[in-house]
Amino acid sequence: MKTTIYYFTGTGNSQWAAAALGEELGETEIVSIPVVMKNEGAIRAPPGRVGIVAPVYYGGLPAVVVQFLERLDLSGAEYTFAVITCGVSPHRSLLQAKAMLEKNGCTLSLGRGLKVVNNFVPVFSVPDTEGVEKKLGAARARLSAIGSEIRAGGSGIDTGIPGFSHVISIFGYPGFLRSHGRKDTDFRVDETCTKCGTCAKVCPVQNIVMNENGPVWQHWCEFCFACLHYCPAEAIQYGRGTKGKKRYHHPDVNVQAMIRNRG
């Protein structure tokens, strides 16, 4: 059965996961959500298996993924699945995806969380090279198991950490969804900025433009931190909590791959 996987990525984890899962399943087309969102009207998924791979933000789905699911037509899909990349837990993002698909008359057959390297550096720290390799190795094994579940037509939804996930979904996520576009007001560049433009190139929703002083955020930010992590000079900071912290993007997803993700 042919598989189509739609993905959104900020630092490459979800793109890598989508591609690796495609290898597990065979005969798979990988489609970037920001690219397909440029088309107007309903987004009709092809027949066969259809999957969504995306990160978790503030306990829920990224805003662009929510907008995508609102437009996604799965009337021809024979089996649907979702994989949420996360540092700790998918929280209630998979239940959110399930509810959105049910509203459109479709059932989410399988929903799984995939622990990868946590890239939310305002709060967490990126592990050293050995730690990164260990996490990604475990993620690769987990993807193989998820692929086996999908091939077998498995079912079930990961619901996150009991209690904690519920609290985040109620008190954290709604506020994030309302204000996410303007969260970029806390991004800044320090004196090490070379004005190379990498941040503008990798932004998946083209939220950054360059002028003579460097990058300028346009306030439709997805809060993915691609700009911060891909900056070769590590000149982009967010608030007061990122200066001097190790940066991260998936080692298999370079700048050129990120440029292709946005179309």
C-alpha atoms as a PDB file:
ATOM      1  CA  MET A   1       0.000   0.000   0.000  1.00  0.00           C
ATOM      2  CA  LYS A   2       1.332   3.446  -0.891  1.00  0.00           C
ATOM      3  CA  THR A   3       1.960   5.843   1.988  1.00  0.00           C
ATOM      4  CA  THR A   4       1.919   9.641   2.061  1.00  0.00           C
ATOM      5  CA  ILE A   5       3.550  11.372   5.039  1.00  0.00           C
ATOM      6  CA  TYR A   6       2.970  15.076   5.677  1.00  0.00           C
ATOM      7  CA  TYR A   7       5.490  16.675   8.012  1.00  0.00           C
ATOM      8  CA  PHE A   8       6.423  19.930   9.695  1.00  0.00           C
ATOM      9  CA  THR A   9       9.907  20.473  11.075  1.00  0.00           C
ATOM     10  CA  GLY A  10      11.867  23.239  12.790  1.00  0.00           C
ATOM     11  CA  THR A  11      15.237  21.702  13.547  1.00  0.00           C
ATOM     12  CA  GLY A  12      15.023  18.621  11.356  1.00  0.00           C
ATOM     13  CA  ASN A  13      13.842  15.997  13.848  1.00  0.00           C
ATOM     14  CA  SER A  14      10.429  15.540  12.256  1.00  0.00           C
ATOM     15  CA  GLN A  15      11.772  15.621   8.700  1.00  0.00           C
ATOM     16  CA  TRP A  16      14.283  12.934   9.590  1.00  0.00           C
ATOM     17  CA  ALA A  17      11.581  10.893  11.338  1.00  0.00           C
ATOM     18  CA  ALA A  18       9.259  11.164   8.333  1.00  0.00           C
ATOM     19  CA  ALA A  19      12.008  10.091   5.932  1.00  0.00           C
ATOM     20  CA  ALA A  20      13.156   7.217   8.162  1.00  0.00           C
ATOM     21  CA  LEU A  21       9.592   6.010   8.604  1.00  0.00           C
ATOM     22  CA  GLY A  22       9.124   6.190   4.851  1.00  0.00           C
ATOM     23  CA  GLU A  23      12.117   3.915   4.430  1.00  0.00           C
ATOM     24  CA  GLU A  24      10.560   1.468   6.875  1.00  0.00           C
ATOM     25  CA  LEU A  25       7.246   1.436   5.021  1.00  0.00           C
ATOM     26  CA  GLY A  26       8.485   1.591   1.418  1.00  0.00           C
ATOM     27  CA  GLU A  27       6.689   3.315  -1.502  1.00  0.00           C
ATOM     28  CA  THR A  28       6.256   6.513   0.507  1.00  0.00           C
ATOM     29  CA  GLU A  29       5.943  10.133  -0.569  1.00  0.00           C
ATOM     30  CA  ILE A  30       7.176  12.728   1.957  1.00  0.00           C
ATOM     31  CA  VAL A  31       5.393  16.099   1.756  1.00  0.00           C
ATOM     32  CA  SER A  32       6.291  19.307   3.615  1.00  0.00           C
ATOM     33  CA  ILE A  33       3.261  20.903   5.254  1.00  0.00           C
ATOM     34  CA  PRO A  34       4.421  24.532   4.677  1.00  0.00           C
ATOM     35  CA  VAL A  35       4.821  23.757   0.963  1.00  0.00           C
ATOM     36  CA  VAL A  36       1.384  22.201   0.498  1.00  0.00           C
ATOM     37  CA  MET A  37      -0.224  24.956   2.596  1.00  0.00           C
ATOM     38  CA  LYS A  38       0.666  27.452  -0.135  1.00  0.00           C
ATOM     39  CA  ASN A  39      -2.171  25.979  -2.209  1.00  0.00           C
ATOM     40  CA  GLU A  40      -5.663  27.327  -1.587  1.00  0.00           C
ATOM     41  CA  GLY A  41      -8.695  25.280  -0.610  1.00  0.00           C
ATOM     42  CA  ALA A  42      -8.926  21.730   0.672  1.00  0.00           C
ATOM     43  CA  ILE A  43      -5.821  19.552   0.674  1.00  0.00           C
ATOM     44  CA  ARG A  44      -6.885  16.176  -0.666  1.00  0.00           C
ATOM     45  CA  ALA A  45      -4.700  13.299   0.497  1.00  0.00           C
ATOM     46  CA  PRO A  46      -4.173  10.471  -2.000  1.00  0.00           C
ATOM     47  CA  PRO A  47      -5.556   6.959  -1.390  1.00  0.00           C
ATOM     48  CA  GLY A  48      -3.612   4.547   0.791  1.00  0.00           C
ATOM     49  CA  ARG A  49      -1.973   5.169   4.136  1.00  0.00           C
ATOM     50  CA  VAL A  50      -1.668   8.788   5.276  1.00  0.00           C
ATOM     51  CA  GLY A  51       0.533   9.951   8.126  1.00  0.00           C
ATOM     52  CA  ILE A  52       1.386  13.206   9.901  1.00  0.00           C
ATOM     53  CA  VAL A  53       4.765  13.753  11.566  1.00  0.00           C
ATOM     54  CA  ALA A  54       5.273  16.918  13.618  1.00  0.00           C
ATOM     55  CA  PRO A  55       6.754  18.202  16.873  1.00  0.00           C
ATOM     56  CA  VAL A  56       4.856  19.032  20.047  1.00  0.00           C
ATOM     57  CA  TYR A  57       4.756  22.695  21.141  1.00  0.00           C
ATOM     58  CA  TYR A  58       3.452  23.658  24.591  1.00  0.00           C
ATOM     59  CA  GLY A  59       1.724  20.292  24.881  1.00  0.00           C
ATOM     60  CA  GLY A  60      -0.130  20.516  21.553  1.00  0.00           C
ATOM     61  CA  LEU A  61       0.275  20.706  17.795  1.00  0.00           C
ATOM     62  CA  PRO A  62       2.113  23.578  16.065  1.00  0.00           C
ATOM     63  CA  ALA A  63      -0.297  26.208  14.743  1.00  0.00           C
ATOM     64  CA  VAL A  64       0.561  25.488  11.105  1.00  0.00           C
ATOM     65  CA  VAL A  65      -0.258  21.800  11.656  1.00  0.00           C
ATOM     66  CA  VAL A  66      -3.617  22.739  13.178  1.00  0.00           C
ATOM     67  CA  GLN A  67      -4.360  24.872  10.114  1.00  0.00           C
ATOM     68  CA  PHE A  68      -3.252  22.020   7.864  1.00  0.00           C
ATOM     69  CA  LEU A  69      -5.497  19.471   9.572  1.00  0.00           C
ATOM     70  CA  GLU A  70      -8.464  21.842   9.241  1.00  0.00           C
ATOM     71  CA  ARG A  71      -7.987  21.747   5.473  1.00  0.00           C
ATOM     72  CA  LEU A  72      -6.967  18.100   5.069  1.00  0.00           C
ATOM     73  CA  ASP A  73      -9.401  15.885   3.151  1.00  0.00           C
ATOM     74  CA  LEU A  74      -8.830  12.235   4.097  1.00  0.00           C
ATOM     75  CA  SER A  75     -11.889  10.814   2.365  1.00  0.00           C
ATOM     76  CA  GLY A  76      -9.707   8.546   0.244  1.00  0.00           C
ATOM     77  CA  ALA A  77      -7.378   7.385   3.013  1.00  0.00           C
ATOM     78  CA  GLU A  78      -7.448   3.722   3.998  1.00  0.00           C
ATOM     79  CA  TYR A  79      -5.386   4.061   7.189  1.00  0.00           C
ATOM     80  CA  THR A  80      -4.158   7.105   9.112  1.00  0.00           C
ATOM     81  CA  PHE A  81      -1.368   7.551  11.646  1.00  0.00           C
ATOM     82  CA  ALA A  82       0.529  10.333  13.398  1.00  0.00           C
ATOM     83  CA  VAL A  83       3.975  10.502  14.993  1.00  0.00           C
ATOM     84  CA  ILE A  84       4.813  13.369  17.343  1.00  0.00           C
ATOM     85  CA  THR A  85       8.490  14.120  17.959  1.00  0.00           C
ATOM     86  CA  CYS A  86       9.171  15.330  21.475  1.00  0.00           C
ATOM     87  CA  GLY A  87      11.852  15.810  24.082  1.00  0.00           C
ATOM     88  CA  VAL A  88       9.788  14.477  26.971  1.00  0.00           C
ATOM     89  CA  SER A  89       6.252  13.495  25.934  1.00  0.00           C
ATOM     90  CA  PRO A  90       3.713  14.065  23.131  1.00  0.00           C
ATOM     91  CA  HIS A  91       1.403  15.269  25.906  1.00  0.00           C
ATOM     92  CA  ARG A  92      -2.103  15.584  24.453  1.00  0.00           C
ATOM     93  CA  SER A  93      -1.110  16.497  20.885  1.00  0.00           C
ATOM     94  CA  LEU A  94      -2.124  13.102  19.520  1.00  0.00           C
ATOM     95  CA  LEU A  95      -5.526  13.325  21.202  1.00  0.00           C
ATOM     96  CA  GLN A  96      -5.839  16.776  19.649  1.00  0.00           C
ATOM     97  CA  ALA A  97      -5.039  15.352  16.194  1.00  0.00           C
ATOM     98  CA  LYS A  98      -7.510  12.525  16.757  1.00  0.00           C
ATOM     99  CA  ALA A  99     -10.293  14.960  17.679  1.00  0.00           C
ATOM    100  CA  MET A 100      -9.585  17.175  14.676  1.00  0.00           C
ATOM    101  CA  LEU A 101      -9.682  14.252  12.256  1.00  0.00           C
ATOM    102  CA  GLU A 102     -12.886  12.911  13.797  1.00  0.00           C
ATOM    103  CA  LYS A 103     -14.474  16.321  13.285  1.00  0.00           C
ATOM    104  CA  ASN A 104     -13.683  15.876   9.583  1.00  0.00           C
ATOM    105  CA  GLY A 105     -15.178  12.393   9.549  1.00  0.00           C
ATOM    106  CA  CYS A 106     -11.922  10.451   9.746  1.00  0.00           C
ATOM    107  CA  THR A 107     -10.391   8.159  12.359  1.00  0.00           C
ATOM    108  CA  LEU A 108      -6.785   8.398  13.528  1.00  0.00           C
ATOM    109  CA  SER A 109      -5.836   4.738  13.617  1.00  0.00           C
ATOM    110  CA  LEU A 110      -2.442   5.002  15.317  1.00  0.00           C
ATOM    111  CA  GLY A 111      -0.731   7.801  17.247  1.00  0.00           C
ATOM    112  CA  ARG A 112       2.753   7.459  18.700  1.00  0.00           C
ATOM    113  CA  GLY A 113       5.223   9.726  20.451  1.00  0.00           C
ATOM    114  CA  LEU A 114       8.877   9.659  19.423  1.00  0.00           C
ATOM    115  CA  LYS A 115      11.492  10.964  21.859  1.00  0.00           C
ATOM    116  CA  VAL A 116      14.264  12.871  20.099  1.00  0.00           C
ATOM    117  CA  VAL A 117      16.726  15.591  21.118  1.00  0.00           C
ATOM    118  CA  ASN A 118      14.921  18.375  22.972  1.00  0.00           C
ATOM    119  CA  ASN A 119      15.628  21.667  21.175  1.00  0.00           C
ATOM    120  CA  PHE A 120      13.651  24.121  23.346  1.00  0.00           C
ATOM    121  CA  VAL A 121      16.775  25.792  24.691  1.00  0.00           C
ATOM    122  CA  PRO A 122      15.087  28.607  26.653  1.00  0.00           C
ATOM    123  CA  VAL A 123      14.250  25.876  29.191  1.00  0.00           C
ATOM    124  CA  PHE A 124      16.290  22.761  28.370  1.00  0.00           C
ATOM    125  CA  SER A 125      19.924  22.111  27.457  1.00  0.00           C
ATOM    126  CA  VAL A 126      21.073  20.118  24.441  1.00  0.00           C
ATOM    127  CA  PRO A 127      23.100  17.044  25.462  1.00  0.00           C
ATOM    128  CA  ASP A 128      26.690  16.501  24.368  1.00  0.00           C
ATOM    129  CA  THR A 129      27.541  14.634  21.153  1.00  0.00           C
ATOM    130  CA  GLU A 130      27.415  11.243  22.834  1.00  0.00           C
ATOM    131  CA  GLY A 131      24.043  12.060  24.359  1.00  0.00           C
ATOM    132  CA  VAL A 132      22.658  13.211  21.014  1.00  0.00           C
ATOM    133  CA  GLU A 133      23.815  10.010  19.314  1.00  0.00           C
ATOM    134  CA  LYS A 134      22.277   7.880  22.057  1.00  0.00           C
ATOM    135  CA  LYS A 135      18.916   9.642  21.800  1.00  0.00           C
ATOM    136  CA  LEU A 136      18.807   9.440  18.017  1.00  0.00           C
ATOM    137  CA  GLY A 137      19.807   5.774  18.080  1.00  0.00           C
ATOM    138  CA  ALA A 138      16.933   4.998  20.425  1.00  0.00           C
ATOM    139  CA  ALA A 139      14.605   7.042  18.208  1.00  0.00           C
ATOM    140  CA  ARG A 140      15.669   5.052  15.141  1.00  0.00           C
ATOM    141  CA  ALA A 141      14.837   1.797  16.916  1.00  0.00           C
ATOM    142  CA  ARG A 142      11.498   3.221  18.016  1.00  0.00           C
ATOM    143  CA  LEU A 143      10.690   4.248  14.435  1.00  0.00           C
ATOM    144  CA  SER A 144      11.338   0.701  13.288  1.00  0.00           C
ATOM    145  CA  ALA A 145       8.824  -0.560  15.835  1.00  0.00           C
ATOM    146  CA  ILE A 146       6.287   2.087  14.789  1.00  0.00           C
ATOM    147  CA  GLY A 147       6.770   1.067  11.155  1.00  0.00           C
ATOM    148  CA  SER A 148       5.953  -2.529  12.079  1.00  0.00           C
ATOM    149  CA  GLU A 149       2.783  -1.369  13.832  1.00  0.00           C
ATOM    150  CA  ILE A 150       1.703   0.623  10.788  1.00  0.00           C
ATOM    151  CA  ARG A 151       2.340  -2.260   8.386  1.00  0.00           C
ATOM    152  CA  ALA A 152       0.266  -4.507  10.645  1.00  0.00           C
ATOM    153  CA  GLY A 153      -2.588  -1.993  10.718  1.00  0.00           C
ATOM    154  CA  GLY A 154      -2.131  -1.353  14.422  1.00  0.00           C
ATOM    155  CA  SER A 155      -4.206   1.003  16.535  1.00  0.00           C
ATOM    156  CA  GLY A 156      -3.914   3.030  19.737  1.00  0.00           C
ATOM    157  CA  ILE A 157      -3.057   6.597  20.778  1.00  0.00           C
ATOM    158  CA  ASP A 158      -0.268   7.700  23.142  1.00  0.00           C
ATOM    159  CA  THR A 159      -1.781  10.076  25.683  1.00  0.00           C
ATOM    160  CA  GLY A 160       1.312  11.602  27.305  1.00  0.00           C
ATOM    161  CA  ILE A 161       2.168  11.925  30.988  1.00  0.00           C
ATOM    162  CA  PRO A 162      -0.965  11.467  33.140  1.00  0.00           C
ATOM    163  CA  GLY A 163      -1.965  14.640  34.939  1.00  0.00           C
ATOM    164  CA  PHE A 164       0.944  16.770  33.762  1.00  0.00           C
ATOM    165  CA  SER A 165      -0.072  16.568  30.094  1.00  0.00           C
ATOM    166  CA  HIS A 166      -3.616  17.545  30.998  1.00  0.00           C
ATOM    167  CA  VAL A 167      -2.418  20.610  32.938  1.00  0.00           C
ATOM    168  CA  ILE A 168      -0.243  21.799  30.028  1.00  0.00           C
ATOM    169  CA  SER A 169      -3.054  21.325  27.534  1.00  0.00           C
ATOM    170  CA  ILE A 170      -5.451  23.403  29.646  1.00  0.00           C
ATOM    171  CA  PHE A 171      -3.216  26.176  30.983  1.00  0.00           C
ATOM    172  CA  GLY A 172      -0.304  26.418  28.543  1.00  0.00           C
ATOM    173  CA  TYR A 173      -1.357  25.457  25.048  1.00  0.00           C
ATOM    174  CA  PRO A 174      -4.409  27.716  24.448  1.00  0.00           C
ATOM    175  CA  GLY A 175      -2.375  30.809  25.304  1.00  0.00           C
ATOM    176  CA  PHE A 176       0.457  29.635  23.078  1.00  0.00           C
ATOM    177  CA  LEU A 177      -1.910  29.076  20.162  1.00  0.00           C
ATOM    178  CA  ARG A 178      -3.425  32.547  20.531  1.00  0.00           C
ATOM    179  CA  SER A 179      -0.115  34.398  20.771  1.00  0.00           C
ATOM    180  CA  HIS A 180       2.410  32.185  18.978  1.00  0.00           C
ATOM    181  CA  GLY A 181       2.802  34.507  15.999  1.00  0.00           C
ATOM    182  CA  ARG A 182       4.084  37.367  18.144  1.00  0.00           C
ATOM    183  CA  LYS A 183       6.367  35.304  20.360  1.00  0.00           C
ATOM    184  CA  ASP A 184       9.165  36.280  17.980  1.00  0.00           C
ATOM    185  CA  THR A 185       9.379  39.676  19.716  1.00  0.00           C
ATOM    186  CA  ASP A 186      11.803  38.060  22.176  1.00  0.00           C
ATOM    187  CA  PHE A 187      14.249  36.968  19.465  1.00  0.00           C
ATOM    188  CA  ARG A 188      17.306  39.174  19.010  1.00  0.00           C
ATOM    189  CA  VAL A 189      20.775  39.054  17.506  1.00  0.00           C
ATOM    190  CA  ASP A 190      23.966  39.865  19.362  1.00  0.00           C
ATOM    191  CA  GLU A 191      27.182  41.463  18.114  1.00  0.00           C
ATOM    192  CA  THR A 192      28.417  38.210  16.521  1.00  0.00           C
ATOM    193  CA  CYS A 193      25.766  38.345  13.745  1.00  0.00           C
ATOM    194  CA  THR A 194      27.406  38.289  10.303  1.00  0.00           C
ATOM    195  CA  LYS A 195      24.158  39.087   8.423  1.00  0.00           C
ATOM    196  CA  CYS A 196      24.612  35.900   6.388  1.00  0.00           C
ATOM    197  CA  GLY A 197      20.845  35.383   6.039  1.00  0.00           C
ATOM    198  CA  THR A 198      20.807  31.716   7.073  1.00  0.00           C
ATOM    199  CA  CYS A 199      18.014  32.395   9.564  1.00  0.00           C
ATOM    200  CA  ALA A 200      15.778  33.800   6.828  1.00  0.00           C
ATOM    201  CA  LYS A 201      16.567  30.872   4.533  1.00  0.00           C
ATOM    202  CA  VAL A 202      15.701  28.132   7.019  1.00  0.00           C
ATOM    203  CA  CYS A 203      12.529  29.659   8.506  1.00  0.00           C
ATOM    204  CA  PRO A 204       9.818  27.205   7.390  1.00  0.00           C
ATOM    205  CA  VAL A 205       7.117  29.881   7.170  1.00  0.00           C
ATOM    206  CA  GLN A 206       9.280  32.717   5.790  1.00  0.00           C
ATOM    207  CA  ASN A 207       8.835  34.853   8.889  1.00  0.00           C
ATOM    208  CA  ILE A 208      12.266  36.512   8.665  1.00  0.00           C
ATOM    209  CA  VAL A 209      13.524  39.168   6.250  1.00  0.00           C
ATOM    210  CA  MET A 210      16.982  40.689   6.171  1.00  0.00           C
ATOM    211  CA  ASN A 211      17.905  44.357   6.180  1.00  0.00           C
ATOM    212  CA  GLU A 212      21.165  46.246   6.662  1.00  0.00           C
ATOM    213  CA  ASN A 213      21.047  45.563  10.408  1.00  0.00           C
ATOM    214  CA  GLY A 214      20.367  41.836  10.168  1.00  0.00           C
ATOM    215  CA  PRO A 215      17.222  39.705  10.558  1.00  0.00           C
ATOM    216  CA  VAL A 216      13.777  41.180  11.208  1.00  0.00           C
ATOM    217  CA  TRP A 217      10.990  38.894  12.454  1.00  0.00           C
ATOM    218  CA  GLN A 218       7.565  39.495  10.882  1.00  0.00           C
ATOM    219  CA  HIS A 219       5.263  38.220  13.640  1.00  0.00           C
ATOM    220  CA  TRP A 220       3.830  35.067  12.098  1.00  0.00           C
ATOM    221  CA  CYS A 221       6.378  32.924  13.907  1.00  0.00           C
ATOM    222  CA  GLU A 222       5.710  29.201  14.431  1.00  0.00           C
ATOM    223  CA  PHE A 223       8.106  29.171  17.425  1.00  0.00           C
ATOM    224  CA  CYS A 224      10.154  26.327  15.911  1.00  0.00           C
ATOM    225  CA  PHE A 225      13.584  27.863  16.733  1.00  0.00           C
ATOM    226  CA  ALA A 226      15.058  26.928  13.349  1.00  0.00           C
ATOM    227  CA  CYS A 227      16.563  30.419  13.088  1.00  0.00           C
ATOM    228  CA  LEU A 228      18.337  30.106  16.435  1.00  0.00           C
ATOM    229  CA  HIS A 229      19.662  26.576  15.951  1.00  0.00           C
ATOM    230  CA  TYR A 230      20.862  26.915  12.357  1.00  0.00           C
ATOM    231  CA  CYS A 231      22.628  30.273  12.851  1.00  0.00           C
ATOM    232  CA  PRO A 232      26.295  29.474  12.078  1.00  0.00           C
ATOM    233  CA  ALA A 233      27.515  32.232  14.418  1.00  0.00           C
ATOM    234  CA  GLU A 234      25.087  31.309  17.236  1.00  0.00           C
ATOM    235  CA  ALA A 235      24.194  34.993  17.218  1.00  0.00           C
ATOM    236  CA  ILE A 236      20.432  34.598  17.632  1.00  0.00           C
ATOM    237  CA  GLN A 237      19.163  34.591  21.202  1.00  0.00           C
ATOM    238  CA  TYR A 238      15.716  34.206  22.712  1.00  0.00           C
ATOM    239  CA  GLY A 239      15.124  36.206  25.859  1.00  0.00           C
ATOM    240  CA  ARG A 240      17.843  35.786  28.452  1.00  0.00           C
ATOM    241  CA  GLY A 241      18.002  31.992  28.594  1.00  0.00           C
ATOM    242  CA  THR A 242      19.895  30.934  25.456  1.00  0.00           C
ATOM    243  CA  LYS A 243      23.219  32.798  25.489  1.00  0.00           C
ATOM    244  CA  GLY A 244      26.077  30.299  25.603  1.00  0.00           C
ATOM    245  CA  LYS A 245      23.817  27.257  25.333  1.00  0.00           C
ATOM    246  CA  LYS A 246      24.645  24.487  22.877  1.00  0.00           C
ATOM    247  CA  ARG A 247      22.684  24.588  19.623  1.00  0.00           C
ATOM    248  CA  TYR A 248      21.161  21.597  17.847  1.00  0.00           C
ATOM    249  CA  HIS A 249      19.679  20.543  14.569  1.00  0.00           C
ATOM    250  CA  HIS A 250      19.377  17.013  13.292  1.00  0.00           C
ATOM    251  CA  PRO A 251      22.776  16.032  11.847  1.00  0.00           C
ATOM    252  CA  ASP A 252      21.157  14.654   8.676  1.00  0.00           C
ATOM    253  CA  VAL A 253      19.130  17.815   7.928  1.00  0.00           C
ATOM    254  CA  ASN A 254      21.269  20.648   6.583  1.00  0.00           C
ATOM    255  CA  VAL A 255      20.421  24.202   5.524  1.00  0.00           C
ATOM    256  CA  GLN A 256      19.645  23.198   1.935  1.00  0.00           C
ATOM    257  CA  ALA A 257      17.143  20.600   3.179  1.00  0.00           C
ATOM    258  CA  MET A 258      15.464  23.227   5.323  1.00  0.00           C
ATOM    259  CA  ILE A 259      15.196  25.569   2.341  1.00  0.00           C
ATOM    260  CA  ARG A 260      13.425  22.819   0.392  1.00  0.00           C
ATOM    261  CA  ASN A 261      11.008  22.298   3.310  1.00  0.00           C
ATOM    262  CA  ARG A 262       9.496  25.726   2.772  1.00  0.00           C
ATOM    263  CA  GLY A 263       9.265  25.510  -1.018  1.00  0.00           C
END
